[in-house]
């Protein structure tokens, strides 16, 4: 993805998602990182 120009730095998106969701009052995201994909579960805030 980085080589194709879809991202700026490796690993920055996960931390950004965690920080943004926490600031919004949401539970932390759940990540399932595989070789071919990343599945993210985002839950609404209580």
PDB file of N, CA and C in Angstrom:
ATOM      1  N   UNK A   1       0.822  -1.184   0.000  1.00  0.00           N
ATOM      2  CA  UNK A   1       0.000   0.000   0.000  1.00  0.00           C
ATOM      3  C   UNK A   1       0.874   1.260   0.000  1.00  0.00           C
ATOM      4  N   UNK A   2       1.940   1.253   0.792  1.00  0.00           N
ATOM      5  CA  UNK A   2       2.824   2.417   0.812  1.00  0.00           C
ATOM      6  C   UNK A   2       3.461   2.635  -0.549  1.00  0.00           C
ATOM      7  N   UNK A   3       3.922   1.579  -1.173  1.00  0.00           N
ATOM      8  CA  UNK A   3       4.563   1.692  -2.482  1.00  0.00           C
ATOM      9  C   UNK A   3       3.604   2.205  -3.549  1.00  0.00           C
ATOM     10  N   UNK A   4       2.324   1.957  -3.387  1.00  0.00           N
ATOM     11  CA  UNK A   4       1.329   2.399  -4.363  1.00  0.00           C
ATOM     12  C   UNK A   4       0.776   3.785  -4.028  1.00  0.00           C
ATOM     13  N   UNK A   5       1.229   4.406  -2.922  1.00  0.00           N
ATOM     14  CA  UNK A   5       0.824   5.759  -2.590  1.00  0.00           C
ATOM     15  C   UNK A   5      -0.458   5.878  -1.793  1.00  0.00           C
ATOM     16  N   UNK A   6      -0.945   4.767  -1.221  1.00  0.00           N
ATOM     17  CA  UNK A   6      -2.193   4.806  -0.458  1.00  0.00           C
ATOM     18  C   UNK A   6      -1.993   5.153   1.009  1.00  0.00           C
ATOM     19  N   UNK A   7      -0.758   5.233   1.466  1.00  0.00           N
ATOM     20  CA  UNK A   7      -0.487   5.576   2.853  1.00  0.00           C
ATOM     21  C   UNK A   7       0.826   6.332   2.943  1.00  0.00           C
ATOM     22  N   UNK A   8       0.994   7.096   4.028  1.00  0.00           N
ATOM     23  CA  UNK A   8       2.204   7.886   4.188  1.00  0.00           C
ATOM     24  C   UNK A   8       3.288   7.138   4.961  1.00  0.00           C
ATOM     25  N   UNK A   9       2.894   6.501   6.061  1.00  0.00           N
ATOM     26  CA  UNK A   9       3.839   5.795   6.917  1.00  0.00           C
ATOM     27  C   UNK A   9       3.206   4.514   7.411  1.00  0.00           C
ATOM     28  N   UNK A  10       4.011   3.485   7.592  1.00  0.00           N
ATOM     29  CA  UNK A  10       3.513   2.240   8.153  1.00  0.00           C
ATOM     30  C   UNK A  10       3.167   2.427   9.621  1.00  0.00           C
ATOM     31  N   UNK A  11       2.008   1.917  10.052  1.00  0.00           N
ATOM     32  CA  UNK A  11       1.642   1.914  11.460  1.00  0.00           C
ATOM     33  C   UNK A  11       0.962   3.171  11.976  1.00  0.00           C
ATOM     34  N   UNK A  12       0.889   4.216  11.192  1.00  0.00           N
ATOM     35  CA  UNK A  12       0.320   5.471  11.703  1.00  0.00           C
ATOM     36  C   UNK A  12      -1.204   5.396  11.811  1.00  0.00           C
ATOM     37  N   UNK A  13      -1.873   4.651  10.948  1.00  0.00           N
ATOM     38  CA  UNK A  13      -3.335   4.610  10.923  1.00  0.00           C
ATOM     39  C   UNK A  13      -3.963   3.988  12.162  1.00  0.00           C
ATOM     40  N   UNK A  14      -3.353   2.957  12.678  1.00  0.00           N
ATOM     41  CA  UNK A  14      -3.903   2.279  13.862  1.00  0.00           C
ATOM     42  C   UNK A  14      -3.872   3.230  15.061  1.00  0.00           C
ATOM     43  N   UNK A  15      -2.767   3.908  15.259  1.00  0.00           N
ATOM     44  CA  UNK A  15      -2.676   4.848  16.391  1.00  0.00           C
ATOM     45  C   UNK A  15      -3.626   6.024  16.195  1.00  0.00           C
ATOM     46  N   UNK A  16      -3.766   6.496  14.979  1.00  0.00           N
ATOM     47  CA  UNK A  16      -4.692   7.596  14.698  1.00  0.00           C
ATOM     48  C   UNK A  16      -6.122   7.178  15.010  1.00  0.00           C
ATOM     49  N   UNK A  17      -6.515   5.970  14.605  1.00  0.00           N
ATOM     50  CA  UNK A  17      -7.862   5.466  14.882  1.00  0.00           C
ATOM     51  C   UNK A  17      -8.095   5.350  16.386  1.00  0.00           C
ATOM     52  N   UNK A  18      -7.123   4.813  17.101  1.00  0.00           N
ATOM     53  CA  UNK A  18      -7.270   4.681  18.565  1.00  0.00           C
ATOM     54  C   UNK A  18      -7.446   6.041  19.231  1.00  0.00           C
ATOM     55  N   UNK A  19      -6.604   6.986  18.855  1.00  0.00           N
ATOM     56  CA  UNK A  19      -6.637   8.316  19.464  1.00  0.00           C
ATOM     57  C   UNK A  19      -7.951   9.046  19.140  1.00  0.00           C
ATOM     58  N   UNK A  20      -8.383   8.967  17.889  1.00  0.00           N
ATOM     59  CA  UNK A  20      -9.602   9.658  17.469  1.00  0.00           C
ATOM     60  C   UNK A  20     -10.838   9.070  18.130  1.00  0.00           C
ATOM     61  N   UNK A  21     -10.933   7.753  18.202  1.00  0.00           N
ATOM     62  CA  UNK A  21     -12.081   7.119  18.840  1.00  0.00           C
ATOM     63  C   UNK A  21     -12.111   7.419  20.339  1.00  0.00           C
ATOM     64  N   UNK A  22     -10.953   7.420  20.989  1.00  0.00           N
ATOM     65  CA  UNK A  22     -10.898   7.727  22.423  1.00  0.00           C
ATOM     66  C   UNK A  22     -11.355   9.164  22.675  1.00  0.00           C
ATOM     67  N   UNK A  23     -10.936  10.078  21.820  1.00  0.00           N
ATOM     68  CA  UNK A  23     -11.339  11.479  21.976  1.00  0.00           C
ATOM     69  C   UNK A  23     -12.840  11.658  21.793  1.00  0.00           C
ATOM     70  N   UNK A  24     -13.455  10.774  21.020  1.00  0.00           N
ATOM     71  CA  UNK A  24     -14.894  10.834  20.765  1.00  0.00           C
ATOM     72  C   UNK A  24     -15.710  10.074  21.817  1.00  0.00           C
ATOM     73  N   UNK A  25     -15.034   9.349  22.714  1.00  0.00           N
ATOM     74  CA  UNK A  25     -15.738   8.593  23.747  1.00  0.00           C
ATOM     75  C   UNK A  25     -16.113   7.182  23.339  1.00  0.00           C
ATOM     76  N   UNK A  26     -15.596   6.705  22.200  1.00  0.00           N
ATOM     77  CA  UNK A  26     -15.872   5.347  21.747  1.00  0.00           C
ATOM     78  C   UNK A  26     -14.963   4.348  22.452  1.00  0.00           C
ATOM     79  N   UNK A  27     -15.389   3.089  22.529  1.00  0.00           N
ATOM     80  CA  UNK A  27     -14.479   2.042  23.003  1.00  0.00           C
ATOM     81  C   UNK A  27     -13.311   1.904  22.020  1.00  0.00           C
ATOM     82  N   UNK A  28     -12.207   1.321  22.453  1.00  0.00           N
ATOM     83  CA  UNK A  28     -11.074   1.146  21.544  1.00  0.00           C
ATOM     84  C   UNK A  28     -11.456   0.265  20.351  1.00  0.00           C
ATOM     85  N   UNK A  29     -10.872   0.523  19.180  1.00  0.00           N
ATOM     86  CA  UNK A  29     -11.143  -0.336  18.027  1.00  0.00           C
ATOM     87  C   UNK A  29     -10.498  -1.700  18.235  1.00  0.00           C
ATOM     88  N   UNK A  30     -11.069  -2.712  17.601  1.00  0.00           N
ATOM     89  CA  UNK A  30     -10.518  -4.066  17.662  1.00  0.00           C
ATOM     90  C   UNK A  30      -9.928  -4.376  16.295  1.00  0.00           C
ATOM     91  N   UNK A  31      -8.629  -4.723  16.247  1.00  0.00           N
ATOM     92  CA  UNK A  31      -7.932  -4.981  14.997  1.00  0.00           C
ATOM     93  C   UNK A  31      -7.636  -6.456  14.843  1.00  0.00           C
ATOM     94  N   UNK A  32      -7.874  -6.970  13.646  1.00  0.00           N
ATOM     95  CA  UNK A  32      -7.488  -8.327  13.268  1.00  0.00           C
ATOM     96  C   UNK A  32      -6.578  -8.167  12.050  1.00  0.00           C
ATOM     97  N   UNK A  33      -5.264  -8.169  12.283  1.00  0.00           N
ATOM     98  CA  UNK A  33      -4.286  -7.922  11.222  1.00  0.00           C
ATOM     99  C   UNK A  33      -3.856  -9.257  10.631  1.00  0.00           C
ATOM    100  N   UNK A  34      -4.087  -9.435   9.347  1.00  0.00           N
ATOM    101  CA  UNK A  34      -3.717 -10.638   8.612  1.00  0.00           C
ATOM    102  C   UNK A  34      -2.699 -10.255   7.528  1.00  0.00           C
ATOM    103  N   UNK A  35      -2.180 -11.257   6.817  1.00  0.00           N
ATOM    104  CA  UNK A  35      -1.217 -10.986   5.751  1.00  0.00           C
ATOM    105  C   UNK A  35      -1.829 -10.171   4.621  1.00  0.00           C
ATOM    106  N   UNK A  36      -3.075 -10.444   4.272  1.00  0.00           N
ATOM    107  CA  UNK A  36      -3.684  -9.824   3.094  1.00  0.00           C
ATOM    108  C   UNK A  36      -4.683  -8.716   3.422  1.00  0.00           C
ATOM    109  N   UNK A  37      -5.045  -8.534   4.702  1.00  0.00           N
ATOM    110  CA  UNK A  37      -6.039  -7.519   5.043  1.00  0.00           C
ATOM    111  C   UNK A  37      -5.961  -7.165   6.523  1.00  0.00           C
ATOM    112  N   UNK A  38      -6.618  -6.072   6.855  1.00  0.00           N
ATOM    113  CA  UNK A  38      -6.790  -5.664   8.249  1.00  0.00           C
ATOM    114  C   UNK A  38      -8.282  -5.458   8.464  1.00  0.00           C
ATOM    115  N   UNK A  39      -8.862  -6.180   9.404  1.00  0.00           N
ATOM    116  CA  UNK A  39     -10.267  -6.039   9.757  1.00  0.00           C
ATOM    117  C   UNK A  39     -10.341  -5.198  11.031  1.00  0.00           C
ATOM    118  N   UNK A  40     -11.142  -4.136  11.004  1.00  0.00           N
ATOM    119  CA  UNK A  40     -11.282  -3.263  12.162  1.00  0.00           C
ATOM    120  C   UNK A  40     -12.746  -3.240  12.592  1.00  0.00           C
ATOM    121  N   UNK A  41     -12.985  -3.494  13.875  1.00  0.00           N
ATOM    122  CA  UNK A  41     -14.323  -3.394  14.435  1.00  0.00           C
ATOM    123  C   UNK A  41     -14.374  -2.119  15.268  1.00  0.00           C
ATOM    124  N   UNK A  42     -15.287  -1.220  14.876  1.00  0.00           N
ATOM    125  CA  UNK A  42     -15.472   0.041  15.590  1.00  0.00           C
ATOM    126  C   UNK A  42     -16.853  -0.009  16.245  1.00  0.00           C
ATOM    127  N   UNK A  43     -16.864   0.144  17.540  1.00  0.00           N
ATOM    128  CA  UNK A  43     -18.131   0.112  18.282  1.00  0.00           C
ATOM    129  C   UNK A  43     -18.560   1.530  18.637  1.00  0.00           C
ATOM    130  N   UNK A  44     -19.865   1.736  18.697  1.00  0.00           N
ATOM    131  CA  UNK A  44     -20.362   3.072  19.041  1.00  0.00           C
ATOM    132  C   UNK A  44     -20.156   3.329  20.518  1.00  0.00           C
ATOM    133  N   UNK A  45     -20.145   4.590  20.849  1.00  0.00           N
ATOM    134  CA  UNK A  45     -19.943   4.953  22.249  1.00  0.00           C
ATOM    135  C   UNK A  45     -21.200   4.655  23.052  1.00  0.00           C
ATOM    136  N   UNK A  46     -21.021   4.311  24.325  1.00  0.00           N
ATOM    137  CA  UNK A  46     -22.189   3.959  25.161  1.00  0.00           C
ATOM    138  C   UNK A  46     -23.059   5.161  25.469  1.00  0.00           C
TER     139      UNK A  46
END
